[in-house]
């Protein structure tokens, strides 16, 4: 999800006109508190998985108990405030 939302113009240039997000299997991260554990800020770590260069870290403070820390909610809100023209 982070890659797609960080490369919207590349997707448009490649002919993509929409993205759908949802769990593909049990135990996947979802955009709500799917685990029902109320955990918002797990231990921080950095990874290069899925990155073409550099790394991504989960070191920001989440405002939501969503399993993804509210990332999809925040990024969708930001996108709709200033959408990219097709």
N, C-alpha and C. Protein backbone atom coordinates (compact mmCIF):
# COMPACT_ATOMS: atom_id res chain seq x y z
N UNK A 1 0.82 -1.17 0.00
CA UNK A 1 0.00 0.00 0.00
C UNK A 1 0.87 1.25 0.00
N UNK A 2 1.95 1.23 0.80
CA UNK A 2 2.82 2.40 0.86
C UNK A 2 3.42 2.71 -0.51
N UNK A 3 3.83 1.66 -1.22
CA UNK A 3 4.42 1.88 -2.54
C UNK A 3 3.41 2.52 -3.48
N UNK A 4 2.23 1.94 -3.57
CA UNK A 4 1.22 2.44 -4.49
C UNK A 4 0.86 3.89 -4.20
N UNK A 5 0.62 4.21 -2.93
CA UNK A 5 0.23 5.57 -2.58
C UNK A 5 1.38 6.56 -2.70
N UNK A 6 2.61 6.05 -2.72
CA UNK A 6 3.77 6.91 -2.90
C UNK A 6 4.17 7.09 -4.35
N UNK A 7 3.51 6.38 -5.27
CA UNK A 7 3.86 6.42 -6.69
C UNK A 7 2.62 6.57 -7.56
N UNK A 8 1.69 7.41 -7.15
CA UNK A 8 0.41 7.56 -7.86
C UNK A 8 0.63 7.98 -9.31
N UNK A 9 1.49 8.94 -9.55
CA UNK A 9 1.69 9.40 -10.93
C UNK A 9 2.26 8.29 -11.80
N UNK A 10 3.17 7.48 -11.29
CA UNK A 10 3.71 6.36 -12.06
C UNK A 10 2.61 5.37 -12.42
N UNK A 11 1.69 5.12 -11.49
CA UNK A 11 0.59 4.21 -11.77
C UNK A 11 -0.32 4.77 -12.86
N UNK A 12 -0.62 6.06 -12.76
CA UNK A 12 -1.46 6.70 -13.78
C UNK A 12 -0.77 6.62 -15.14
N UNK A 13 0.52 6.93 -15.17
CA UNK A 13 1.28 6.87 -16.42
C UNK A 13 1.28 5.47 -17.00
N UNK A 14 1.19 4.46 -16.15
CA UNK A 14 1.16 3.06 -16.59
C UNK A 14 -0.23 2.56 -16.94
N UNK A 15 -1.24 3.42 -16.81
CA UNK A 15 -2.59 3.04 -17.20
C UNK A 15 -3.49 2.57 -16.07
N UNK A 16 -3.01 2.60 -14.84
CA UNK A 16 -3.83 2.18 -13.70
C UNK A 16 -4.84 3.29 -13.41
N UNK A 17 -6.11 2.91 -13.23
CA UNK A 17 -7.15 3.90 -12.95
C UNK A 17 -7.81 3.70 -11.60
N UNK A 18 -7.41 2.67 -10.87
CA UNK A 18 -7.99 2.47 -9.55
C UNK A 18 -7.20 1.46 -8.75
N UNK A 19 -7.28 1.56 -7.43
CA UNK A 19 -6.63 0.62 -6.52
C UNK A 19 -7.67 0.13 -5.52
N UNK A 20 -7.63 -1.14 -5.21
CA UNK A 20 -8.50 -1.72 -4.19
C UNK A 20 -7.62 -2.29 -3.10
N UNK A 21 -7.99 -2.05 -1.86
CA UNK A 21 -7.24 -2.57 -0.73
C UNK A 21 -8.13 -3.46 0.11
N UNK A 22 -7.61 -4.58 0.53
CA UNK A 22 -8.34 -5.48 1.40
C UNK A 22 -7.46 -6.67 1.73
N UNK A 23 -7.80 -7.36 2.79
CA UNK A 23 -7.02 -8.53 3.21
C UNK A 23 -7.21 -9.65 2.21
N UNK A 24 -6.12 -10.24 1.80
CA UNK A 24 -6.17 -11.37 0.87
C UNK A 24 -6.22 -12.70 1.58
N UNK A 25 -5.89 -12.69 2.85
CA UNK A 25 -5.90 -13.92 3.63
C UNK A 25 -6.04 -13.56 5.12
N UNK A 26 -6.36 -14.54 5.92
CA UNK A 26 -6.50 -14.32 7.35
C UNK A 26 -5.20 -13.83 7.97
N UNK A 27 -5.30 -12.91 8.90
CA UNK A 27 -4.12 -12.42 9.60
C UNK A 27 -3.44 -11.26 8.93
N UNK A 28 -3.93 -10.84 7.76
CA UNK A 28 -3.34 -9.70 7.06
C UNK A 28 -3.67 -8.41 7.79
N UNK A 29 -2.81 -7.41 7.60
CA UNK A 29 -3.07 -6.09 8.15
C UNK A 29 -4.28 -5.50 7.44
N UNK A 30 -5.16 -4.89 8.20
CA UNK A 30 -6.35 -4.25 7.64
C UNK A 30 -6.43 -2.81 8.11
N UNK A 31 -7.32 -2.03 7.50
CA UNK A 31 -7.41 -0.61 7.81
C UNK A 31 -8.37 -0.32 8.96
N UNK A 32 -8.54 -1.26 9.85
CA UNK A 32 -9.30 -1.08 11.09
C UNK A 32 -8.63 -1.94 12.13
N UNK A 33 -9.09 -1.94 13.34
CA UNK A 33 -8.48 -2.76 14.39
C UNK A 33 -8.99 -4.19 14.25
N UNK A 34 -8.55 -4.86 13.18
CA UNK A 34 -9.00 -6.21 12.88
C UNK A 34 -8.65 -7.22 13.96
N UNK A 35 -7.53 -7.01 14.62
CA UNK A 35 -7.13 -7.92 15.69
C UNK A 35 -7.91 -7.66 16.96
N UNK A 36 -8.54 -6.47 17.05
CA UNK A 36 -9.31 -6.12 18.23
C UNK A 36 -8.46 -5.97 19.48
N UNK A 37 -7.18 -5.63 19.28
CA UNK A 37 -6.27 -5.56 20.42
C UNK A 37 -6.02 -4.14 20.91
N UNK A 38 -6.51 -3.14 20.18
CA UNK A 38 -6.34 -1.76 20.61
C UNK A 38 -4.91 -1.25 20.54
N UNK A 39 -4.00 -2.04 19.97
CA UNK A 39 -2.59 -1.64 19.90
C UNK A 39 -2.41 -0.64 18.77
N UNK A 40 -1.85 0.50 19.09
CA UNK A 40 -1.65 1.55 18.11
C UNK A 40 -0.19 1.70 17.74
N UNK A 41 0.70 1.59 18.70
CA UNK A 41 2.11 1.86 18.46
C UNK A 41 2.99 0.69 18.90
N UNK A 42 3.13 -0.32 18.03
CA UNK A 42 4.02 -1.43 18.37
C UNK A 42 5.48 -0.98 18.33
N UNK A 43 6.36 -1.85 18.71
CA UNK A 43 7.79 -1.53 18.68
C UNK A 43 8.21 -1.10 17.28
N UNK A 44 9.04 -0.07 17.20
CA UNK A 44 9.49 0.47 15.93
C UNK A 44 10.54 -0.43 15.28
N UNK A 45 10.52 -0.49 13.94
CA UNK A 45 11.56 -1.18 13.18
C UNK A 45 11.61 -0.59 11.78
N UNK A 46 12.71 -0.82 11.08
CA UNK A 46 12.89 -0.34 9.71
C UNK A 46 13.06 -1.53 8.78
N UNK A 47 12.67 -1.36 7.52
CA UNK A 47 12.75 -2.44 6.55
C UNK A 47 13.02 -1.87 5.16
N UNK A 48 13.63 -2.68 4.31
CA UNK A 48 13.79 -2.32 2.91
C UNK A 48 12.84 -3.14 2.04
N UNK A 49 12.03 -4.01 2.66
CA UNK A 49 11.08 -4.84 1.91
C UNK A 49 10.13 -3.96 1.11
N UNK A 50 10.01 -4.25 -0.17
CA UNK A 50 9.09 -3.53 -1.03
C UNK A 50 9.58 -2.17 -1.48
N UNK A 51 10.80 -1.82 -1.14
CA UNK A 51 11.34 -0.50 -1.50
C UNK A 51 12.31 -0.65 -2.67
N UNK A 52 12.23 0.27 -3.62
CA UNK A 52 13.19 0.25 -4.72
C UNK A 52 14.52 0.85 -4.29
N UNK A 53 14.48 1.72 -3.27
CA UNK A 53 15.70 2.27 -2.69
C UNK A 53 15.38 2.78 -1.30
N UNK A 54 16.36 2.85 -0.46
CA UNK A 54 16.16 3.33 0.90
C UNK A 54 15.42 2.34 1.78
N UNK A 55 14.85 2.85 2.84
CA UNK A 55 14.11 2.01 3.77
C UNK A 55 12.91 2.77 4.31
N UNK A 56 12.00 2.04 4.90
CA UNK A 56 10.83 2.63 5.52
C UNK A 56 10.82 2.20 6.98
N UNK A 57 10.45 3.11 7.86
CA UNK A 57 10.43 2.83 9.29
C UNK A 57 9.04 3.11 9.85
N UNK A 58 8.61 2.31 10.80
CA UNK A 58 7.32 2.55 11.46
C UNK A 58 7.56 3.31 12.76
N UNK A 59 8.22 4.44 12.65
CA UNK A 59 8.62 5.17 13.85
C UNK A 59 7.78 6.41 14.14
N UNK A 60 6.66 6.58 13.43
CA UNK A 60 5.80 7.72 13.75
C UNK A 60 4.68 7.27 14.70
N UNK A 61 4.15 8.20 15.45
CA UNK A 61 3.10 7.88 16.40
C UNK A 61 1.76 7.80 15.69
N UNK A 62 1.11 6.66 15.77
CA UNK A 62 -0.19 6.46 15.14
C UNK A 62 -1.28 7.14 15.96
N UNK A 63 -2.28 7.65 15.25
CA UNK A 63 -3.40 8.30 15.91
C UNK A 63 -4.62 7.38 16.02
N UNK A 64 -4.55 6.21 15.39
CA UNK A 64 -5.68 5.30 15.34
C UNK A 64 -5.25 3.90 15.75
N UNK A 65 -6.18 3.10 16.25
CA UNK A 65 -5.87 1.72 16.62
C UNK A 65 -5.96 0.78 15.43
N UNK A 66 -6.18 1.32 14.23
CA UNK A 66 -6.22 0.49 13.03
C UNK A 66 -4.95 -0.36 12.99
N UNK A 67 -5.06 -1.58 12.45
CA UNK A 67 -3.88 -2.44 12.39
C UNK A 67 -2.73 -1.81 11.61
N UNK A 68 -3.05 -0.93 10.66
CA UNK A 68 -1.98 -0.26 9.92
C UNK A 68 -1.63 1.10 10.54
N UNK A 69 -2.12 1.36 11.76
CA UNK A 69 -1.83 2.61 12.45
C UNK A 69 -2.55 3.81 11.88
N UNK A 70 -3.48 3.58 10.97
CA UNK A 70 -4.22 4.67 10.35
C UNK A 70 -3.61 5.15 9.05
N UNK A 71 -2.59 4.43 8.56
CA UNK A 71 -1.88 4.88 7.35
C UNK A 71 -2.82 5.05 6.16
N UNK A 72 -3.61 4.02 5.85
CA UNK A 72 -4.50 4.11 4.69
C UNK A 72 -5.52 5.23 4.88
N UNK A 73 -6.07 5.33 6.06
CA UNK A 73 -7.04 6.39 6.36
C UNK A 73 -6.41 7.77 6.12
N UNK A 74 -5.21 8.00 6.65
CA UNK A 74 -4.54 9.29 6.52
C UNK A 74 -4.16 9.59 5.07
N UNK A 75 -3.63 8.59 4.36
CA UNK A 75 -3.20 8.80 2.98
C UNK A 75 -4.39 9.00 2.05
N UNK A 76 -5.49 8.28 2.26
CA UNK A 76 -6.68 8.47 1.45
C UNK A 76 -7.27 9.86 1.67
N UNK A 77 -7.28 10.31 2.91
CA UNK A 77 -7.78 11.66 3.23
C UNK A 77 -6.92 12.71 2.53
N UNK A 78 -5.60 12.54 2.57
CA UNK A 78 -4.70 13.49 1.91
C UNK A 78 -4.89 13.47 0.40
N UNK A 79 -5.05 12.28 -0.18
CA UNK A 79 -5.24 12.17 -1.63
C UNK A 79 -6.53 12.87 -2.06
N UNK A 80 -7.61 12.60 -1.37
CA UNK A 80 -8.90 13.20 -1.75
C UNK A 80 -8.94 14.70 -1.53
N UNK A 81 -8.07 15.22 -0.67
CA UNK A 81 -7.98 16.67 -0.48
C UNK A 81 -7.30 17.32 -1.68
N UNK A 82 -6.45 16.56 -2.39
CA UNK A 82 -5.73 17.08 -3.55
C UNK A 82 -5.49 15.95 -4.54
N UNK A 83 -6.55 15.48 -5.21
CA UNK A 83 -6.40 14.32 -6.12
C UNK A 83 -5.57 14.63 -7.35
N UNK A 84 -4.96 13.59 -7.89
CA UNK A 84 -4.18 13.69 -9.13
C UNK A 84 -5.16 13.56 -10.28
N UNK A 85 -5.06 14.45 -11.27
CA UNK A 85 -5.94 14.39 -12.44
C UNK A 85 -5.53 13.24 -13.35
N UNK A 86 -6.50 12.52 -13.86
CA UNK A 86 -6.22 11.43 -14.81
C UNK A 86 -6.10 11.97 -16.20
